[in-house]
Amino acid sequence: MVAVLSALILFQLLPSLFRGGIAGVRDHIARVAVAGVPPEHWGIAISRMHLGLGVIFVSAVAFYLAQRYLGRKLQRGTPKSRMMRFNSFR
Protein backbone atom coordinates (compact mmCIF):
# COMPACT_ATOMS: atom_id res chain seq x y z
CA MET A 1 0.00 0.00 0.00
CA VAL A 2 2.87 2.34 0.71
CA ALA A 3 4.22 1.70 -2.79
CA VAL A 4 0.85 2.52 -4.34
CA LEU A 5 0.63 5.72 -2.31
CA SER A 6 4.17 6.69 -3.32
CA ALA A 7 3.40 5.98 -6.98
CA LEU A 8 0.27 8.12 -6.85
CA ILE A 9 2.17 11.00 -5.23
CA LEU A 10 4.93 10.77 -7.85
CA PHE A 11 2.35 10.59 -10.64
CA GLN A 12 0.78 13.80 -9.32
CA LEU A 13 4.16 15.57 -9.22
CA LEU A 14 5.28 14.57 -12.74
CA PRO A 15 3.55 17.43 -14.65
CA SER A 16 5.06 20.06 -12.36
CA LEU A 17 8.45 18.34 -12.70
CA PHE A 18 8.29 18.51 -16.50
CA ARG A 19 7.13 22.15 -16.53
CA GLY A 20 9.34 23.67 -13.88
CA GLY A 21 11.90 21.10 -12.79
CA ILE A 22 12.66 20.70 -9.11
CA ALA A 23 11.54 24.28 -8.42
CA GLY A 24 8.18 23.46 -9.99
CA VAL A 25 7.79 20.45 -7.72
CA ARG A 26 8.59 22.60 -4.67
CA ASP A 27 6.02 25.17 -5.76
CA HIS A 28 3.39 22.48 -6.31
CA ILE A 29 4.04 20.94 -2.88
CA ALA A 30 3.81 24.40 -1.29
CA ARG A 31 0.51 25.14 -3.06
CA VAL A 32 -0.97 21.83 -1.95
CA ALA A 33 0.30 22.27 1.61
CA VAL A 34 -1.22 25.73 2.11
CA ALA A 35 -4.59 24.96 0.52
CA GLY A 36 -7.22 25.81 3.12
CA VAL A 37 -4.68 26.83 5.76
CA PRO A 38 -4.67 30.32 7.29
CA PRO A 39 -1.69 32.43 6.10
CA GLU A 40 -0.12 32.57 9.56
CA HIS A 41 0.32 28.76 9.50
CA TRP A 42 1.73 28.40 5.98
CA GLY A 43 5.34 27.90 7.08
CA ILE A 44 4.55 25.01 9.41
CA ALA A 45 2.16 23.48 6.85
CA ILE A 46 4.87 23.40 4.19
CA SER A 47 7.45 21.94 6.56
CA ARG A 48 5.01 19.27 7.72
CA MET A 49 4.19 18.41 4.12
CA HIS A 50 7.88 17.89 3.37
CA LEU A 51 8.26 15.81 6.53
CA GLY A 52 5.22 13.68 5.66
CA LEU A 53 6.40 13.05 2.10
CA GLY A 54 9.86 12.15 3.39
CA VAL A 55 8.45 9.65 5.87
CA ILE A 56 6.29 8.05 3.18
CA PHE A 57 9.19 7.65 0.76
CA VAL A 58 11.63 6.40 3.41
CA SER A 59 9.09 3.83 4.61
CA ALA A 60 8.46 2.76 1.00
CA VAL A 61 12.18 2.12 0.50
CA ALA A 62 12.41 0.28 3.84
CA PHE A 63 9.43 -1.94 3.00
CA TYR A 64 10.86 -2.67 -0.45
CA LEU A 65 14.23 -3.69 1.00
CA ALA A 66 12.54 -5.81 3.69
CA GLN A 67 10.45 -7.53 1.03
CA ARG A 68 13.54 -8.37 -1.05
CA TYR A 69 15.42 -9.60 2.02
CA LEU A 70 12.58 -11.83 3.19
CA GLY A 71 11.95 -13.13 -0.32
CA ARG A 72 15.56 -14.20 -0.71
CA LYS A 73 15.68 -15.68 2.77
CA LEU A 74 12.52 -17.71 2.19
CA GLN A 75 13.73 -18.75 -1.27
CA ARG A 76 16.92 -20.25 0.20
CA GLY A 77 14.93 -22.29 2.71
CA THR A 78 12.85 -24.00 0.00
CA PRO A 79 14.11 -27.44 -1.10
CA LYS A 80 15.22 -27.61 -4.73
CA SER A 81 12.93 -30.49 -5.73
CA ARG A 82 9.87 -28.69 -4.41
CA MET A 83 10.87 -25.50 -6.19
CA MET A 84 11.43 -27.33 -9.47
CA ARG A 85 8.01 -28.92 -9.15
CA PHE A 86 6.44 -25.50 -8.55
CA ASN A 87 8.15 -23.95 -11.58
CA SER A 88 7.13 -26.79 -13.89
CA PHE A 89 3.47 -25.75 -13.65
CA ARG A 90 4.14 -22.41 -15.30
C-alpha atoms as a PDB file:
ATOM      1  CA  MET A   1       0.000   0.000   0.000  1.00  0.00           C
ATOM      2  CA  VAL A   2       2.867   2.345   0.705  1.00  0.00           C
ATOM      3  CA  ALA A   3       4.220   1.695  -2.786  1.00  0.00           C
ATOM      4  CA  VAL A   4       0.851   2.517  -4.337  1.00  0.00           C
ATOM      5  CA  LEU A   5       0.629   5.721  -2.309  1.00  0.00           C
ATOM      6  CA  SER A   6       4.165   6.693  -3.321  1.00  0.00           C
ATOM      7  CA  ALA A   7       3.404   5.982  -6.984  1.00  0.00           C
ATOM      8  CA  LEU A   8       0.272   8.121  -6.851  1.00  0.00           C
ATOM      9  CA  ILE A   9       2.167  10.997  -5.235  1.00  0.00           C
ATOM     10  CA  LEU A  10       4.926  10.774  -7.847  1.00  0.00           C
ATOM     11  CA  PHE A  11       2.348  10.593 -10.639  1.00  0.00           C
ATOM     12  CA  GLN A  12       0.784  13.799  -9.317  1.00  0.00           C
ATOM     13  CA  LEU A  13       4.158  15.565  -9.223  1.00  0.00           C
ATOM     14  CA  LEU A  14       5.277  14.574 -12.742  1.00  0.00           C
ATOM     15  CA  PRO A  15       3.546  17.428 -14.651  1.00  0.00           C
ATOM     16  CA  SER A  16       5.064  20.062 -12.362  1.00  0.00           C
ATOM     17  CA  LEU A  17       8.453  18.343 -12.700  1.00  0.00           C
ATOM     18  CA  PHE A  18       8.288  18.511 -16.502  1.00  0.00           C
ATOM     19  CA  ARG A  19       7.132  22.145 -16.529  1.00  0.00           C
ATOM     20  CA  GLY A  20       9.344  23.670 -13.876  1.00  0.00           C
ATOM     21  CA  GLY A  21      11.895  21.097 -12.794  1.00  0.00           C
ATOM     22  CA  ILE A  22      12.660  20.700  -9.111  1.00  0.00           C
ATOM     23  CA  ALA A  23      11.542  24.277  -8.424  1.00  0.00           C
ATOM     24  CA  GLY A  24       8.177  23.463  -9.994  1.00  0.00           C
ATOM     25  CA  VAL A  25       7.792  20.447  -7.723  1.00  0.00           C
ATOM     26  CA  ARG A  26       8.586  22.596  -4.674  1.00  0.00           C
ATOM     27  CA  ASP A  27       6.025  25.174  -5.758  1.00  0.00           C
ATOM     28  CA  HIS A  28       3.394  22.485  -6.305  1.00  0.00           C
ATOM     29  CA  ILE A  29       4.041  20.944  -2.882  1.00  0.00           C
ATOM     30  CA  ALA A  30       3.814  24.398  -1.295  1.00  0.00           C
ATOM     31  CA  ARG A  31       0.510  25.137  -3.064  1.00  0.00           C
ATOM     32  CA  VAL A  32      -0.966  21.825  -1.952  1.00  0.00           C
ATOM     33  CA  ALA A  33       0.298  22.272   1.613  1.00  0.00           C
ATOM     34  CA  VAL A  34      -1.216  25.726   2.107  1.00  0.00           C
ATOM     35  CA  ALA A  35      -4.593  24.955   0.521  1.00  0.00           C
ATOM     36  CA  GLY A  36      -7.225  25.810   3.115  1.00  0.00           C
ATOM     37  CA  VAL A  37      -4.679  26.827   5.759  1.00  0.00           C
ATOM     38  CA  PRO A  38      -4.667  30.324   7.292  1.00  0.00           C
ATOM     39  CA  PRO A  39      -1.694  32.432   6.098  1.00  0.00           C
ATOM     40  CA  GLU A  40      -0.119  32.571   9.556  1.00  0.00           C
ATOM     41  CA  HIS A  41       0.321  28.759   9.502  1.00  0.00           C
ATOM     42  CA  TRP A  42       1.732  28.396   5.981  1.00  0.00           C
ATOM     43  CA  GLY A  43       5.342  27.900   7.085  1.00  0.00           C
ATOM     44  CA  ILE A  44       4.551  25.009   9.411  1.00  0.00           C
ATOM     45  CA  ALA A  45       2.156  23.482   6.848  1.00  0.00           C
ATOM     46  CA  ILE A  46       4.868  23.401   4.191  1.00  0.00           C
ATOM     47  CA  SER A  47       7.455  21.944   6.563  1.00  0.00           C
ATOM     48  CA  ARG A  48       5.010  19.266   7.724  1.00  0.00           C
ATOM     49  CA  MET A  49       4.190  18.411   4.116  1.00  0.00           C
ATOM     50  CA  HIS A  50       7.878  17.890   3.372  1.00  0.00           C
ATOM     51  CA  LEU A  51       8.255  15.808   6.526  1.00  0.00           C
ATOM     52  CA  GLY A  52       5.218  13.684   5.660  1.00  0.00           C
ATOM     53  CA  LEU A  53       6.399  13.052   2.103  1.00  0.00           C
ATOM     54  CA  GLY A  54       9.860  12.151   3.388  1.00  0.00           C
ATOM     55  CA  VAL A  55       8.450   9.654   5.870  1.00  0.00           C
ATOM     56  CA  ILE A  56       6.290   8.052   3.180  1.00  0.00           C
ATOM     57  CA  PHE A  57       9.193   7.650   0.756  1.00  0.00           C
ATOM     58  CA  VAL A  58      11.633   6.397   3.409  1.00  0.00           C
ATOM     59  CA  SER A  59       9.094   3.831   4.609  1.00  0.00           C
ATOM     60  CA  ALA A  60       8.458   2.756   1.004  1.00  0.00           C
ATOM     61  CA  VAL A  61      12.175   2.117   0.505  1.00  0.00           C
ATOM     62  CA  ALA A  62      12.405   0.285   3.845  1.00  0.00           C
ATOM     63  CA  PHE A  63       9.430  -1.937   3.004  1.00  0.00           C
ATOM     64  CA  TYR A  64      10.864  -2.674  -0.446  1.00  0.00           C
ATOM     65  CA  LEU A  65      14.226  -3.687   0.996  1.00  0.00           C
ATOM     66  CA  ALA A  66      12.544  -5.809   3.690  1.00  0.00           C
ATOM     67  CA  GLN A  67      10.453  -7.534   1.029  1.00  0.00           C
ATOM     68  CA  ARG A  68      13.535  -8.369  -1.048  1.00  0.00           C
ATOM     69  CA  TYR A  69      15.422  -9.600   2.017  1.00  0.00           C
ATOM     70  CA  LEU A  70      12.583 -11.829   3.186  1.00  0.00           C
ATOM     71  CA  GLY A  71      11.950 -13.125  -0.322  1.00  0.00           C
ATOM     72  CA  ARG A  72      15.564 -14.196  -0.715  1.00  0.00           C
ATOM     73  CA  LYS A  73      15.684 -15.680   2.768  1.00  0.00           C
ATOM     74  CA  LEU A  74      12.523 -17.713   2.193  1.00  0.00           C
ATOM     75  CA  GLN A  75      13.726 -18.752  -1.272  1.00  0.00           C
ATOM     76  CA  ARG A  76      16.919 -20.246   0.199  1.00  0.00           C
ATOM     77  CA  GLY A  77      14.932 -22.293   2.714  1.00  0.00           C
ATOM     78  CA  THR A  78      12.854 -24.000  -0.004  1.00  0.00           C
ATOM     79  CA  PRO A  79      14.106 -27.442  -1.096  1.00  0.00           C
ATOM     80  CA  LYS A  80      15.219 -27.614  -4.732  1.00  0.00           C
ATOM     81  CA  SER A  81      12.927 -30.488  -5.731  1.00  0.00           C
ATOM     82  CA  ARG A  82       9.875 -28.694  -4.411  1.00  0.00           C
ATOM     83  CA  MET A  83      10.875 -25.500  -6.192  1.00  0.00           C
ATOM     84  CA  MET A  84      11.428 -27.333  -9.472  1.00  0.00           C
ATOM     85  CA  ARG A  85       8.007 -28.915  -9.154  1.00  0.00           C
ATOM     86  CA  PHE A  86       6.443 -25.503  -8.551  1.00  0.00           C
ATOM     87  CA  ASN A  87       8.147 -23.952 -11.576  1.00  0.00           C
ATOM     88  CA  SER A  88       7.132 -26.790 -13.889  1.00  0.00           C
ATOM     89  CA  PHE A  89       3.472 -25.754 -13.652  1.00  0.00           C
ATOM     90  CA  ARG A  90       4.137 -22.410 -15.301  1.00  0.00           C
END
